[in-house]
Amino acid sequence: MIDAFSFKGYIEARNKAMIAMMADCGLRAMEIGGLLSENVKETTIQVNGKGGKERIVFISPALKRILIKFERLKKQNFINKYTASYYFLTYLGSDLSHNALDDEIKLAGKRTCIEGKRVSPHTFRHFYAVQCLLSGIDLYSLSRLNNRLSELSKLASYYYSAKEVTEFGTSCFNAVKER
């Protein structure tokens, strides 16, 4: 879905950066909308999460490349204009609403021909959790990354989803290998 948007303009680049950040860092919709420019550093993002909890997430090299291009277009788009201090802005320079973020995610789903599946900002949290588990992270560490210490049972369901994905992938790989 990251490829549903390009770098042809500020809004396209913003949408690409938002989707990449949600997929790569597991941020909530409210965390994306409330992200301040000053909290996006060179290699980390300081996130003000649910319940006023702060956490630090790391920026991967792939995400960093997208953010550099986005920031360049943002700077060009808002040159000599007053803007809010938020990282992701509307085309007028104000903060982005939850509804606007949801609309952009649904647009990405349409552009990538995803039908019959829920496409929402929260879907990216599920994706992030499953990807972390597939890469070998344990449930406790994942709960710390997601500010979800009290919801280990929910994260356990991600673990079983990841296990099914892995088993499915292994069986597909073996079937192809046998041909």
Protein backbone atom coordinates (compact mmCIF):
# COMPACT_ATOMS: atom_id res chain seq x y z
CA MET A 1 0.00 0.00 0.00
CA ILE A 2 3.00 2.28 0.40
CA ASP A 3 3.33 2.24 -3.39
CA ALA A 4 -0.26 3.48 -3.78
CA PHE A 5 1.18 6.98 -3.44
CA SER A 6 4.10 8.69 -5.15
CA PHE A 7 6.28 11.74 -4.58
CA LYS A 8 4.51 13.82 -7.27
CA GLY A 9 3.21 16.35 -4.78
CA TYR A 10 2.99 17.15 -1.10
CA ILE A 11 -0.27 15.26 -0.41
CA GLU A 12 0.92 12.14 -2.27
CA ALA A 13 4.24 12.21 -0.39
CA ARG A 14 2.49 12.83 2.94
CA ASN A 15 0.20 9.85 2.41
CA LYS A 16 3.12 7.63 1.42
CA ALA A 17 5.07 8.73 4.52
CA MET A 18 2.08 8.17 6.84
CA ILE A 19 1.48 4.65 5.55
CA ALA A 20 5.18 3.80 5.70
CA MET A 21 5.41 5.11 9.27
CA MET A 22 2.34 3.15 10.42
CA ALA A 23 3.61 -0.05 8.82
CA ASP A 24 7.21 0.37 9.98
CA CYS A 25 6.63 1.72 13.51
CA GLY A 26 3.15 0.47 14.45
CA LEU A 27 1.80 3.92 15.32
CA ARG A 28 -1.87 4.49 16.11
CA ALA A 29 -3.99 6.91 14.08
CA MET A 30 -4.08 9.38 16.99
CA GLU A 31 -0.28 9.15 17.27
CA ILE A 32 0.15 9.92 13.56
CA GLY A 33 -2.26 12.87 13.76
CA GLY A 34 -0.69 14.23 16.94
CA LEU A 35 2.93 13.75 15.92
CA LEU A 36 4.91 16.96 16.30
CA SER A 37 7.69 17.85 13.87
CA GLU A 38 10.13 18.31 16.75
CA ASN A 39 9.57 14.69 17.83
CA VAL A 40 10.80 13.22 14.54
CA LYS A 41 14.56 12.93 14.95
CA GLU A 42 17.30 11.51 12.74
CA THR A 43 16.83 7.86 13.74
CA THR A 44 13.97 7.92 16.27
CA ILE A 45 10.45 9.21 16.80
CA GLN A 46 9.17 10.24 20.21
CA VAL A 47 5.55 9.15 20.32
CA ASN A 48 2.95 10.46 22.76
CA GLY A 49 0.65 7.49 22.96
CA LYS A 50 -2.53 6.33 24.54
CA GLY A 51 -2.97 7.37 28.17
CA GLY A 52 -0.28 10.05 27.84
CA LYS A 53 2.47 7.41 27.72
CA GLU A 54 5.60 8.36 25.82
CA ARG A 55 7.75 5.92 23.91
CA ILE A 56 10.55 5.97 21.40
CA VAL A 57 10.32 4.09 18.11
CA PHE A 58 13.16 3.64 15.66
CA ILE A 59 13.22 4.73 12.04
CA SER A 60 14.39 2.05 9.59
CA PRO A 61 16.63 3.06 6.66
CA ALA A 62 13.75 2.43 4.23
CA LEU A 63 11.41 4.69 6.21
CA LYS A 64 14.15 7.32 6.54
CA ARG A 65 14.48 7.56 2.73
CA ILE A 66 10.73 8.14 2.42
CA LEU A 67 10.73 10.74 5.22
CA ILE A 68 13.63 12.67 3.65
CA LYS A 69 11.72 13.00 0.36
CA PHE A 70 8.51 13.88 2.20
CA GLU A 71 10.22 16.57 4.29
CA ARG A 72 11.77 18.11 1.17
CA LEU A 73 8.33 18.38 -0.50
CA LYS A 74 6.74 19.64 2.72
CA LYS A 75 9.33 22.41 2.98
CA GLN A 76 8.75 23.42 -0.67
CA ASN A 77 4.96 23.33 -0.30
CA PHE A 78 4.83 25.51 2.81
CA ILE A 79 7.63 27.97 2.03
CA ASN A 80 6.77 31.39 3.54
CA LYS A 81 3.50 30.05 4.98
CA TYR A 82 2.46 29.66 8.60
CA THR A 83 1.86 26.03 9.51
CA ALA A 84 0.93 24.10 12.61
CA SER A 85 3.78 22.35 14.43
CA TYR A 86 2.47 18.90 13.47
CA TYR A 87 4.54 16.60 11.27
CA PHE A 88 1.68 15.62 8.94
CA LEU A 89 -0.39 18.56 7.73
CA THR A 90 -3.38 19.20 5.50
CA TYR A 91 -2.78 21.03 2.22
CA LEU A 92 -3.62 24.26 4.08
CA GLY A 93 -0.99 23.62 6.77
CA SER A 94 -3.24 22.64 9.67
CA ASP A 95 -3.25 19.44 11.72
CA LEU A 96 -4.64 16.29 10.16
CA SER A 97 -7.89 14.87 11.54
CA HIS A 98 -8.50 11.20 12.27
CA ASN A 99 -11.17 11.15 9.54
CA ALA A 100 -8.76 12.57 6.97
CA LEU A 101 -6.18 9.90 7.84
CA ASP A 102 -8.84 7.19 7.59
CA ASP A 103 -9.93 8.52 4.17
CA GLU A 104 -6.35 8.45 2.85
CA ILE A 105 -5.87 4.85 4.04
CA LYS A 106 -9.11 3.82 2.33
CA LEU A 107 -7.91 5.58 -0.86
CA ALA A 108 -4.68 3.56 -0.70
CA GLY A 109 -6.77 0.40 -0.38
CA LYS A 110 -8.78 1.33 -3.47
CA ARG A 111 -5.67 2.19 -5.47
CA THR A 112 -4.14 -1.18 -4.63
CA CYS A 113 -7.41 -3.03 -5.41
CA ILE A 114 -7.91 -4.39 -1.89
CA GLU A 115 -11.51 -5.54 -1.70
CA GLY A 116 -13.43 -7.47 0.93
CA LYS A 117 -10.87 -6.70 3.65
CA ARG A 118 -10.89 -4.07 6.36
CA VAL A 119 -8.53 -1.24 5.42
CA SER A 120 -7.95 1.21 8.26
CA PRO A 121 -5.11 2.81 10.21
CA HIS A 122 -5.52 0.13 12.88
CA THR A 123 -4.89 -2.60 10.30
CA PHE A 124 -1.30 -1.35 10.16
CA ARG A 125 -0.87 -2.03 13.90
CA HIS A 126 -1.87 -5.63 13.27
CA PHE A 127 0.52 -5.80 10.32
CA TYR A 128 3.35 -4.35 12.41
CA ALA A 129 2.74 -6.80 15.26
CA VAL A 130 2.69 -9.82 12.95
CA GLN A 131 5.86 -8.64 11.15
CA CYS A 132 7.66 -8.21 14.48
CA LEU A 133 6.66 -11.70 15.58
CA LEU A 134 7.70 -13.19 12.23
CA SER A 135 11.11 -11.59 12.65
CA GLY A 136 11.54 -13.29 16.02
CA ILE A 137 10.55 -10.68 18.59
CA ASP A 138 9.01 -12.13 21.77
CA LEU A 139 5.54 -11.16 23.03
CA TYR A 140 6.80 -9.18 26.03
CA SER A 141 9.12 -7.03 23.88
CA LEU A 142 6.31 -6.46 21.38
CA SER A 143 3.99 -5.38 24.19
CA ARG A 144 6.62 -2.81 25.27
CA LEU A 145 6.98 -1.51 21.71
CA ASN A 146 3.21 -1.14 21.35
CA ASN A 147 2.47 0.24 24.85
CA ARG A 148 0.28 -2.81 25.44
CA LEU A 149 1.54 -4.43 28.61
CA SER A 150 -1.99 -5.06 29.80
CA GLU A 151 -3.05 -6.67 26.52
CA LEU A 152 -0.70 -9.64 26.20
CA SER A 153 -3.67 -11.87 25.32
CA LYS A 154 -4.44 -9.69 22.29
CA LEU A 155 -0.79 -9.83 21.25
CA ALA A 156 -0.87 -13.60 21.67
CA SER A 157 -3.53 -13.70 18.93
CA TYR A 158 -1.03 -11.90 16.67
CA TYR A 159 1.47 -14.60 17.54
CA TYR A 160 -0.89 -17.31 16.34
CA SER A 161 -1.64 -15.26 13.19
CA ALA A 162 2.09 -14.98 12.56
CA LYS A 163 2.51 -18.71 13.15
CA GLU A 164 -0.22 -19.46 10.60
CA VAL A 165 1.37 -17.07 8.08
CA THR A 166 4.74 -18.78 8.60
CA GLU A 167 3.27 -22.28 8.25
CA PHE A 168 1.35 -21.22 5.13
CA GLY A 169 4.48 -19.65 3.64
CA THR A 170 6.55 -22.74 4.44
CA SER A 171 4.00 -25.08 2.87
CA CYS A 172 3.79 -22.88 -0.26
CA PHE A 173 7.59 -22.76 -0.49
CA ASN A 174 7.83 -26.55 -0.14
CA ALA A 175 5.13 -27.10 -2.78
CA VAL A 176 7.00 -24.85 -5.25
CA LYS A 177 10.34 -26.47 -4.37
CA GLU A 178 8.96 -29.96 -5.10
CA ARG A 179 7.88 -29.00 -8.64
